[in-house]
């Protein structure tokens, strides 16, 4: 699921890349020994062409990165499979949309009579929408950084 989560977060749901190469980069040998027996299952469930467990080695340039735990990160080699410049452009547009939504929400929530005139339930919903938009903005910016590394 983590593999699909990374691909979805980095690429968006409109991409279909069935032959990815994956890497599990472990902080130490003990973690690698714990994970290695599961790598064939991860490979099958993620439809990856291959999954390698690494300790003390660098992953190839052009990988999208996700954190599995404090001792292991997941890397998917995407360089050459996608048009990074096109993806960055899409993400910039998405970031602009999110920034507009955030500005509008913040302006609305900062009015002097907001807390007295707006029902508490609506305030809570808008606060949650603000948090979700901020999280989405962070994810978009992370994805942009990953794609920019591939250019």
N, C-alpha and C. Protein backbone atom coordinates (compact mmCIF):
# COMPACT_ATOMS: atom_id res chain seq x y z
N UNK A 1 0.83 -1.19 0.00
CA UNK A 1 0.00 0.00 0.00
C UNK A 1 0.87 1.25 0.00
N UNK A 2 2.02 1.18 0.70
CA UNK A 2 2.90 2.34 0.73
C UNK A 2 3.39 2.69 -0.66
N UNK A 3 3.71 1.68 -1.47
CA UNK A 3 4.17 1.92 -2.84
C UNK A 3 3.12 2.69 -3.62
N UNK A 4 1.88 2.20 -3.56
CA UNK A 4 0.81 2.84 -4.30
C UNK A 4 0.54 4.23 -3.76
N UNK A 5 0.67 4.40 -2.44
CA UNK A 5 0.50 5.71 -1.84
C UNK A 5 1.52 6.70 -2.36
N UNK A 6 2.76 6.27 -2.48
CA UNK A 6 3.81 7.14 -2.99
C UNK A 6 3.54 7.49 -4.44
N UNK A 7 3.24 6.49 -5.24
CA UNK A 7 2.98 6.75 -6.66
C UNK A 7 1.80 7.69 -6.81
N UNK A 8 0.74 7.45 -6.06
CA UNK A 8 -0.45 8.30 -6.15
C UNK A 8 -0.14 9.72 -5.69
N UNK A 9 0.61 9.84 -4.59
CA UNK A 9 0.92 11.16 -4.08
C UNK A 9 1.84 11.92 -5.03
N UNK A 10 2.83 11.23 -5.57
CA UNK A 10 3.82 11.89 -6.42
C UNK A 10 3.30 12.10 -7.83
N UNK A 11 2.64 11.11 -8.38
CA UNK A 11 2.23 11.17 -9.77
C UNK A 11 0.78 11.54 -9.96
N UNK A 12 -0.03 11.26 -8.99
CA UNK A 12 -1.47 11.46 -9.16
C UNK A 12 -2.08 10.17 -9.70
N UNK A 13 -3.37 10.02 -9.57
CA UNK A 13 -4.03 8.77 -9.94
C UNK A 13 -4.12 8.52 -11.43
N UNK A 14 -3.76 9.50 -12.27
CA UNK A 14 -3.92 9.34 -13.71
C UNK A 14 -2.74 8.62 -14.36
N UNK A 15 -1.74 8.26 -13.59
CA UNK A 15 -0.58 7.57 -14.16
C UNK A 15 -0.70 6.06 -13.96
N UNK A 16 -0.26 5.32 -14.91
CA UNK A 16 -0.25 3.86 -14.81
C UNK A 16 1.13 3.39 -15.27
N UNK A 17 1.97 3.03 -14.32
CA UNK A 17 3.33 2.60 -14.62
C UNK A 17 3.56 1.24 -13.98
N UNK A 18 3.26 0.16 -14.69
CA UNK A 18 3.30 -1.16 -14.08
C UNK A 18 4.69 -1.74 -13.90
N UNK A 19 5.74 -1.13 -14.45
CA UNK A 19 7.06 -1.74 -14.36
C UNK A 19 8.06 -0.85 -13.65
N UNK A 20 7.72 -0.45 -12.44
CA UNK A 20 8.60 0.38 -11.63
C UNK A 20 9.68 -0.46 -10.97
N UNK A 21 10.80 0.18 -10.70
CA UNK A 21 11.86 -0.45 -9.92
C UNK A 21 11.82 0.19 -8.54
N UNK A 22 11.78 -0.64 -7.52
CA UNK A 22 11.67 -0.13 -6.15
C UNK A 22 12.89 -0.47 -5.32
N UNK A 23 13.13 0.37 -4.34
CA UNK A 23 14.25 0.17 -3.42
C UNK A 23 13.74 0.41 -2.00
N UNK A 24 14.16 -0.46 -1.10
CA UNK A 24 13.90 -0.27 0.33
C UNK A 24 15.26 0.05 0.95
N UNK A 25 15.46 1.30 1.30
CA UNK A 25 16.75 1.74 1.84
C UNK A 25 16.67 1.70 3.36
N UNK A 26 17.44 0.79 3.94
CA UNK A 26 17.39 0.57 5.38
C UNK A 26 18.55 1.27 6.08
N UNK A 27 18.29 1.71 7.29
CA UNK A 27 19.30 2.42 8.07
C UNK A 27 20.39 1.47 8.57
N UNK A 28 20.04 0.21 8.82
CA UNK A 28 21.02 -0.73 9.36
C UNK A 28 20.73 -2.15 8.86
N UNK A 29 21.67 -3.03 9.08
CA UNK A 29 21.56 -4.41 8.59
C UNK A 29 20.42 -5.17 9.27
N UNK A 30 20.20 -4.90 10.55
CA UNK A 30 19.12 -5.59 11.28
C UNK A 30 17.76 -5.29 10.64
N UNK A 31 17.53 -4.04 10.26
CA UNK A 31 16.27 -3.67 9.60
C UNK A 31 16.17 -4.35 8.24
N UNK A 32 17.27 -4.35 7.50
CA UNK A 32 17.29 -5.01 6.18
C UNK A 32 16.99 -6.50 6.32
N UNK A 33 17.58 -7.14 7.32
CA UNK A 33 17.33 -8.58 7.53
C UNK A 33 15.88 -8.85 7.88
N UNK A 34 15.26 -7.91 8.58
CA UNK A 34 13.84 -8.05 8.93
C UNK A 34 12.95 -7.89 7.71
N UNK A 35 13.29 -6.97 6.82
CA UNK A 35 12.46 -6.63 5.65
C UNK A 35 12.69 -7.57 4.47
N UNK A 36 13.93 -8.01 4.28
CA UNK A 36 14.29 -8.78 3.08
C UNK A 36 13.36 -9.96 2.78
N UNK A 37 12.93 -10.76 3.76
CA UNK A 37 12.03 -11.88 3.43
C UNK A 37 10.69 -11.44 2.83
N UNK A 38 10.30 -10.19 3.05
CA UNK A 38 9.02 -9.69 2.55
C UNK A 38 9.15 -9.03 1.18
N UNK A 39 10.35 -8.84 0.69
CA UNK A 39 10.51 -8.11 -0.58
C UNK A 39 9.83 -8.79 -1.76
N UNK A 40 9.79 -10.14 -1.86
CA UNK A 40 9.04 -10.73 -2.98
C UNK A 40 7.54 -10.42 -2.91
N UNK A 41 6.99 -10.36 -1.71
CA UNK A 41 5.57 -10.02 -1.55
C UNK A 41 5.33 -8.56 -1.94
N UNK A 42 6.23 -7.70 -1.50
CA UNK A 42 6.11 -6.28 -1.85
C UNK A 42 6.19 -6.11 -3.36
N UNK A 43 7.10 -6.84 -3.98
CA UNK A 43 7.26 -6.76 -5.43
C UNK A 43 5.98 -7.19 -6.14
N UNK A 44 5.40 -8.30 -5.71
CA UNK A 44 4.18 -8.81 -6.33
C UNK A 44 3.00 -7.87 -6.11
N UNK A 45 2.79 -7.45 -4.87
CA UNK A 45 1.64 -6.61 -4.55
C UNK A 45 1.73 -5.22 -5.17
N UNK A 46 2.95 -4.74 -5.40
CA UNK A 46 3.11 -3.41 -5.97
C UNK A 46 3.28 -3.43 -7.48
N UNK A 47 3.32 -4.62 -8.07
CA UNK A 47 3.53 -4.77 -9.52
C UNK A 47 4.86 -4.17 -9.97
N UNK A 48 5.83 -4.14 -9.08
CA UNK A 48 7.14 -3.63 -9.44
C UNK A 48 7.91 -4.69 -10.21
N UNK A 49 8.76 -4.21 -11.11
CA UNK A 49 9.61 -5.11 -11.86
C UNK A 49 10.63 -5.76 -10.92
N UNK A 50 11.16 -4.97 -9.98
CA UNK A 50 12.09 -5.50 -8.99
C UNK A 50 12.05 -4.63 -7.74
N UNK A 51 12.42 -5.24 -6.62
CA UNK A 51 12.54 -4.53 -5.35
C UNK A 51 13.86 -4.96 -4.72
N UNK A 52 14.70 -3.98 -4.43
CA UNK A 52 16.00 -4.25 -3.83
C UNK A 52 16.04 -3.67 -2.42
N UNK A 53 16.66 -4.41 -1.51
CA UNK A 53 16.85 -3.94 -0.14
C UNK A 53 18.29 -3.44 -0.05
N UNK A 54 18.46 -2.18 0.36
CA UNK A 54 19.78 -1.56 0.41
C UNK A 54 20.14 -1.14 1.82
N UNK A 55 21.43 -1.30 2.16
CA UNK A 55 21.97 -0.80 3.43
C UNK A 55 23.27 -0.10 3.09
N UNK A 56 23.37 1.16 3.44
CA UNK A 56 24.61 1.89 3.20
C UNK A 56 24.90 2.20 1.75
N UNK A 57 23.95 2.00 0.87
CA UNK A 57 24.11 2.29 -0.55
C UNK A 57 23.15 3.41 -0.92
N UNK A 58 23.51 4.15 -1.95
CA UNK A 58 22.63 5.20 -2.45
C UNK A 58 21.68 4.62 -3.49
N UNK A 59 20.49 5.17 -3.52
CA UNK A 59 19.54 4.81 -4.57
C UNK A 59 19.87 5.65 -5.80
N UNK A 60 19.48 5.18 -6.97
CA UNK A 60 19.73 5.96 -8.18
C UNK A 60 19.03 7.32 -8.15
N UNK A 61 19.59 8.28 -8.86
CA UNK A 61 18.94 9.58 -8.97
C UNK A 61 17.63 9.40 -9.73
N UNK A 62 16.66 10.23 -9.43
CA UNK A 62 15.37 10.17 -10.12
C UNK A 62 14.34 9.31 -9.43
N UNK A 63 14.51 9.10 -8.14
CA UNK A 63 13.54 8.30 -7.38
C UNK A 63 12.60 9.20 -6.60
N UNK A 64 11.34 8.79 -6.55
CA UNK A 64 10.39 9.39 -5.62
C UNK A 64 10.61 8.70 -4.29
N UNK A 65 10.48 9.44 -3.20
CA UNK A 65 10.83 8.91 -1.89
C UNK A 65 9.64 8.99 -0.96
N UNK A 66 9.46 7.92 -0.19
CA UNK A 66 8.46 7.90 0.86
C UNK A 66 9.08 7.30 2.11
N UNK A 67 8.60 7.70 3.26
CA UNK A 67 9.14 7.21 4.52
C UNK A 67 8.25 6.07 5.02
N UNK A 68 8.84 4.88 5.13
CA UNK A 68 8.10 3.74 5.66
C UNK A 68 8.16 3.74 7.18
N UNK A 69 9.32 4.07 7.72
CA UNK A 69 9.51 4.17 9.16
C UNK A 69 10.77 4.98 9.41
N UNK A 70 11.13 5.13 10.67
CA UNK A 70 12.36 5.86 10.98
C UNK A 70 13.61 5.07 10.58
N UNK A 71 13.45 3.81 10.21
CA UNK A 71 14.59 2.96 9.86
C UNK A 71 14.61 2.52 8.40
N UNK A 72 13.56 2.89 7.65
CA UNK A 72 13.47 2.43 6.26
C UNK A 72 12.70 3.44 5.41
N UNK A 73 13.25 3.73 4.23
CA UNK A 73 12.55 4.59 3.27
C UNK A 73 12.33 3.83 1.98
N UNK A 74 11.27 4.21 1.27
CA UNK A 74 10.88 3.56 0.03
C UNK A 74 11.21 4.49 -1.12
N UNK A 75 11.88 3.95 -2.15
CA UNK A 75 12.28 4.74 -3.30
C UNK A 75 11.75 4.06 -4.56
N UNK A 76 11.10 4.84 -5.42
CA UNK A 76 10.60 4.33 -6.70
C UNK A 76 11.30 5.08 -7.82
N UNK A 77 11.95 4.35 -8.70
CA UNK A 77 12.66 4.96 -9.81
C UNK A 77 11.67 5.39 -10.88
N UNK A 78 11.56 6.70 -11.07
CA UNK A 78 10.60 7.26 -12.02
C UNK A 78 11.28 7.99 -13.17
N UNK A 79 12.55 8.30 -13.02
CA UNK A 79 13.26 9.06 -14.05
C UNK A 79 13.20 8.32 -15.38
N UNK A 80 12.86 9.05 -16.43
CA UNK A 80 12.76 8.48 -17.75
C UNK A 80 11.39 7.87 -18.05
N UNK A 81 10.57 7.71 -17.04
CA UNK A 81 9.24 7.13 -17.23
C UNK A 81 8.16 8.19 -17.38
N UNK A 82 8.47 9.39 -16.94
CA UNK A 82 7.50 10.47 -16.96
C UNK A 82 8.17 11.75 -17.45
N UNK A 83 7.36 12.72 -17.84
CA UNK A 83 7.86 14.03 -18.25
C UNK A 83 7.84 14.91 -17.00
N UNK A 84 9.00 15.04 -16.35
CA UNK A 84 9.09 15.76 -15.09
C UNK A 84 8.69 17.23 -15.23
N UNK A 85 9.09 17.86 -16.33
CA UNK A 85 8.75 19.28 -16.52
C UNK A 85 7.23 19.48 -16.60
N UNK A 86 6.57 18.59 -17.32
CA UNK A 86 5.11 18.67 -17.45
C UNK A 86 4.44 18.48 -16.08
N UNK A 87 4.97 17.54 -15.30
CA UNK A 87 4.40 17.28 -13.97
C UNK A 87 4.61 18.47 -13.05
N UNK A 88 5.78 19.12 -13.12
CA UNK A 88 6.04 20.29 -12.29
C UNK A 88 5.07 21.42 -12.66
N UNK A 89 4.82 21.59 -13.95
CA UNK A 89 3.88 22.62 -14.40
C UNK A 89 2.49 22.34 -13.84
N UNK A 90 2.04 21.10 -13.91
CA UNK A 90 0.72 20.74 -13.36
C UNK A 90 0.67 21.02 -11.86
N UNK A 91 1.76 20.66 -11.18
CA UNK A 91 1.79 20.85 -9.73
C UNK A 91 1.85 22.33 -9.35
N UNK A 92 2.53 23.14 -10.15
CA UNK A 92 2.54 24.59 -9.89
C UNK A 92 1.12 25.15 -9.98
N UNK A 93 0.39 24.72 -11.00
CA UNK A 93 -1.00 25.16 -11.15
C UNK A 93 -1.85 24.72 -9.96
N UNK A 94 -1.65 23.50 -9.54
CA UNK A 94 -2.38 22.97 -8.39
C UNK A 94 -2.03 23.76 -7.13
N UNK A 95 -0.74 24.08 -6.96
CA UNK A 95 -0.30 24.85 -5.79
C UNK A 95 -0.97 26.23 -5.79
N UNK A 96 -1.06 26.87 -6.97
CA UNK A 96 -1.71 28.18 -7.07
C UNK A 96 -3.17 28.10 -6.66
N UNK A 97 -3.87 27.05 -7.10
CA UNK A 97 -5.27 26.87 -6.71
C UNK A 97 -5.40 26.73 -5.19
N UNK A 98 -4.53 25.94 -4.61
CA UNK A 98 -4.57 25.72 -3.16
C UNK A 98 -4.26 27.01 -2.42
N UNK A 99 -3.28 27.77 -2.92
CA UNK A 99 -2.94 29.04 -2.27
C UNK A 99 -4.11 30.01 -2.29
N UNK A 100 -4.87 30.03 -3.39
CA UNK A 100 -6.05 30.89 -3.47
C UNK A 100 -7.10 30.45 -2.46
N UNK A 101 -7.31 29.13 -2.37
CA UNK A 101 -8.29 28.60 -1.40
C UNK A 101 -7.87 28.97 0.02
N UNK A 102 -6.58 28.80 0.31
CA UNK A 102 -6.08 29.11 1.66
C UNK A 102 -6.24 30.59 1.98
N UNK A 103 -5.91 31.46 1.03
CA UNK A 103 -6.03 32.90 1.26
C UNK A 103 -7.48 33.27 1.53
N UNK A 104 -8.38 32.70 0.75
CA UNK A 104 -9.81 32.99 0.91
C UNK A 104 -10.30 32.52 2.30
N UNK A 105 -9.92 31.32 2.68
CA UNK A 105 -10.32 30.79 3.98
C UNK A 105 -9.74 31.63 5.12
N UNK A 106 -8.46 31.95 5.03
CA UNK A 106 -7.81 32.72 6.09
C UNK A 106 -8.44 34.11 6.23
N UNK A 107 -8.74 34.72 5.09
CA UNK A 107 -9.37 36.04 5.12
C UNK A 107 -10.74 35.96 5.80
N UNK A 108 -11.51 34.95 5.43
CA UNK A 108 -12.84 34.76 6.01
C UNK A 108 -12.75 34.53 7.51
N UNK A 109 -11.79 33.69 7.92
CA UNK A 109 -11.67 33.32 9.33
C UNK A 109 -11.07 34.44 10.18
N UNK A 110 -10.43 35.42 9.55
CA UNK A 110 -9.77 36.48 10.32
C UNK A 110 -10.64 37.72 10.50
N UNK A 111 -11.84 37.72 9.96
CA UNK A 111 -12.72 38.88 10.15
C UNK A 111 -13.06 39.02 11.62
N UNK A 112 -13.28 40.25 12.03
CA UNK A 112 -13.49 40.56 13.45
C UNK A 112 -14.67 39.81 14.06
N UNK A 113 -15.77 39.67 13.31
CA UNK A 113 -16.97 39.05 13.88
C UNK A 113 -17.15 37.58 13.51
N UNK A 114 -16.10 36.97 12.95
CA UNK A 114 -16.19 35.56 12.52
C UNK A 114 -16.59 34.65 13.68
N UNK A 115 -15.91 34.76 14.80
CA UNK A 115 -16.17 33.84 15.91
C UNK A 115 -17.52 34.04 16.55
N UNK A 116 -18.11 35.22 16.40
CA UNK A 116 -19.42 35.46 17.01
C UNK A 116 -20.59 35.23 16.06
N UNK A 117 -20.39 35.46 14.77
CA UNK A 117 -21.49 35.34 13.81
C UNK A 117 -21.58 33.98 13.12
N UNK A 118 -20.46 33.28 13.03
CA UNK A 118 -20.45 31.99 12.33
C UNK A 118 -20.68 30.88 13.35
N UNK A 119 -21.64 29.99 13.09
CA UNK A 119 -21.90 28.88 14.03
C UNK A 119 -20.64 28.03 14.27
N UNK A 120 -20.54 27.53 15.48
CA UNK A 120 -19.36 26.75 15.89
C UNK A 120 -19.10 25.56 14.95
N UNK A 121 -20.15 24.88 14.55
CA UNK A 121 -19.99 23.73 13.66
C UNK A 121 -19.35 24.15 12.32
N UNK A 122 -19.76 25.27 11.78
CA UNK A 122 -19.18 25.79 10.53
C UNK A 122 -17.72 26.19 10.76
N UNK A 123 -17.44 26.81 11.91
CA UNK A 123 -16.06 27.17 12.23
C UNK A 123 -15.16 25.94 12.27
N UNK A 124 -15.66 24.87 12.87
CA UNK A 124 -14.90 23.62 12.95
C UNK A 124 -14.67 23.03 11.56
N UNK A 125 -15.71 23.06 10.73
CA UNK A 125 -15.58 22.52 9.37
C UNK A 125 -14.56 23.33 8.57
N UNK A 126 -14.61 24.64 8.70
CA UNK A 126 -13.68 25.49 7.96
C UNK A 126 -12.25 25.35 8.49
N UNK A 127 -12.10 25.15 9.79
CA UNK A 127 -10.77 24.91 10.37
C UNK A 127 -10.20 23.59 9.84
N UNK A 128 -11.05 22.58 9.72
CA UNK A 128 -10.61 21.30 9.17
C UNK A 128 -10.25 21.44 7.69
N UNK A 129 -11.05 22.19 6.95
CA UNK A 129 -10.76 22.42 5.54
C UNK A 129 -9.43 23.16 5.38
N UNK A 130 -9.16 24.10 6.28
CA UNK A 130 -7.88 24.81 6.27
C UNK A 130 -6.72 23.85 6.51
N UNK A 131 -6.86 22.99 7.50
CA UNK A 131 -5.80 21.99 7.80
C UNK A 131 -5.58 21.05 6.62
N UNK A 132 -6.67 20.60 6.01
CA UNK A 132 -6.55 19.69 4.87
C UNK A 132 -5.88 20.38 3.69
N UNK A 133 -6.22 21.62 3.45
CA UNK A 133 -5.61 22.37 2.34
C UNK A 133 -4.13 22.61 2.60
N UNK A 134 -3.77 22.90 3.84
CA UNK A 134 -2.36 23.09 4.18
C UNK A 134 -1.57 21.80 3.99
N UNK A 135 -2.16 20.68 4.37
CA UNK A 135 -1.51 19.38 4.17
C UNK A 135 -1.36 19.09 2.68
N UNK A 136 -2.39 19.35 1.91
CA UNK A 136 -2.33 19.14 0.47
C UNK A 136 -1.25 20.02 -0.16
N UNK A 137 -1.15 21.25 0.31
CA UNK A 137 -0.12 22.16 -0.20
C UNK A 137 1.28 21.60 0.08
N UNK A 138 1.49 21.08 1.28
CA UNK A 138 2.78 20.49 1.62
C UNK A 138 3.11 19.30 0.72
N UNK A 139 2.12 18.47 0.45
CA UNK A 139 2.33 17.30 -0.40
C UNK A 139 2.63 17.71 -1.85
N UNK A 140 1.95 18.73 -2.32
CA UNK A 140 2.21 19.22 -3.68
C UNK A 140 3.64 19.76 -3.77
N UNK A 141 4.06 20.51 -2.77
CA UNK A 141 5.41 21.06 -2.79
C UNK A 141 6.46 19.96 -2.70
N UNK A 142 6.20 18.93 -1.90
CA UNK A 142 7.12 17.79 -1.81
C UNK A 142 7.22 17.09 -3.17
N UNK A 143 6.09 16.89 -3.82
CA UNK A 143 6.09 16.25 -5.14
C UNK A 143 6.84 17.10 -6.15
N UNK A 144 6.68 18.42 -6.09
CA UNK A 144 7.40 19.31 -7.00
C UNK A 144 8.91 19.17 -6.80
N UNK A 145 9.35 19.13 -5.55
CA UNK A 145 10.79 18.96 -5.26
C UNK A 145 11.31 17.65 -5.84
N UNK A 146 10.52 16.59 -5.71
CA UNK A 146 10.93 15.29 -6.24
C UNK A 146 11.07 15.34 -7.76
N UNK A 147 10.11 15.96 -8.43
CA UNK A 147 10.18 16.06 -9.89
C UNK A 147 11.31 16.96 -10.34
N UNK A 148 11.54 18.05 -9.62
CA UNK A 148 12.61 18.98 -9.98
C UNK A 148 13.98 18.29 -9.91
N UNK A 149 14.11 17.33 -9.00
CA UNK A 149 15.37 16.56 -8.91
C UNK A 149 15.59 15.70 -10.15
N UNK A 150 14.50 15.38 -10.86
CA UNK A 150 14.59 14.52 -12.04
C UNK A 150 14.89 15.31 -13.31
N UNK A 151 14.82 16.63 -13.23
CA UNK A 151 15.01 17.44 -14.44
C UNK A 151 16.49 17.76 -14.66
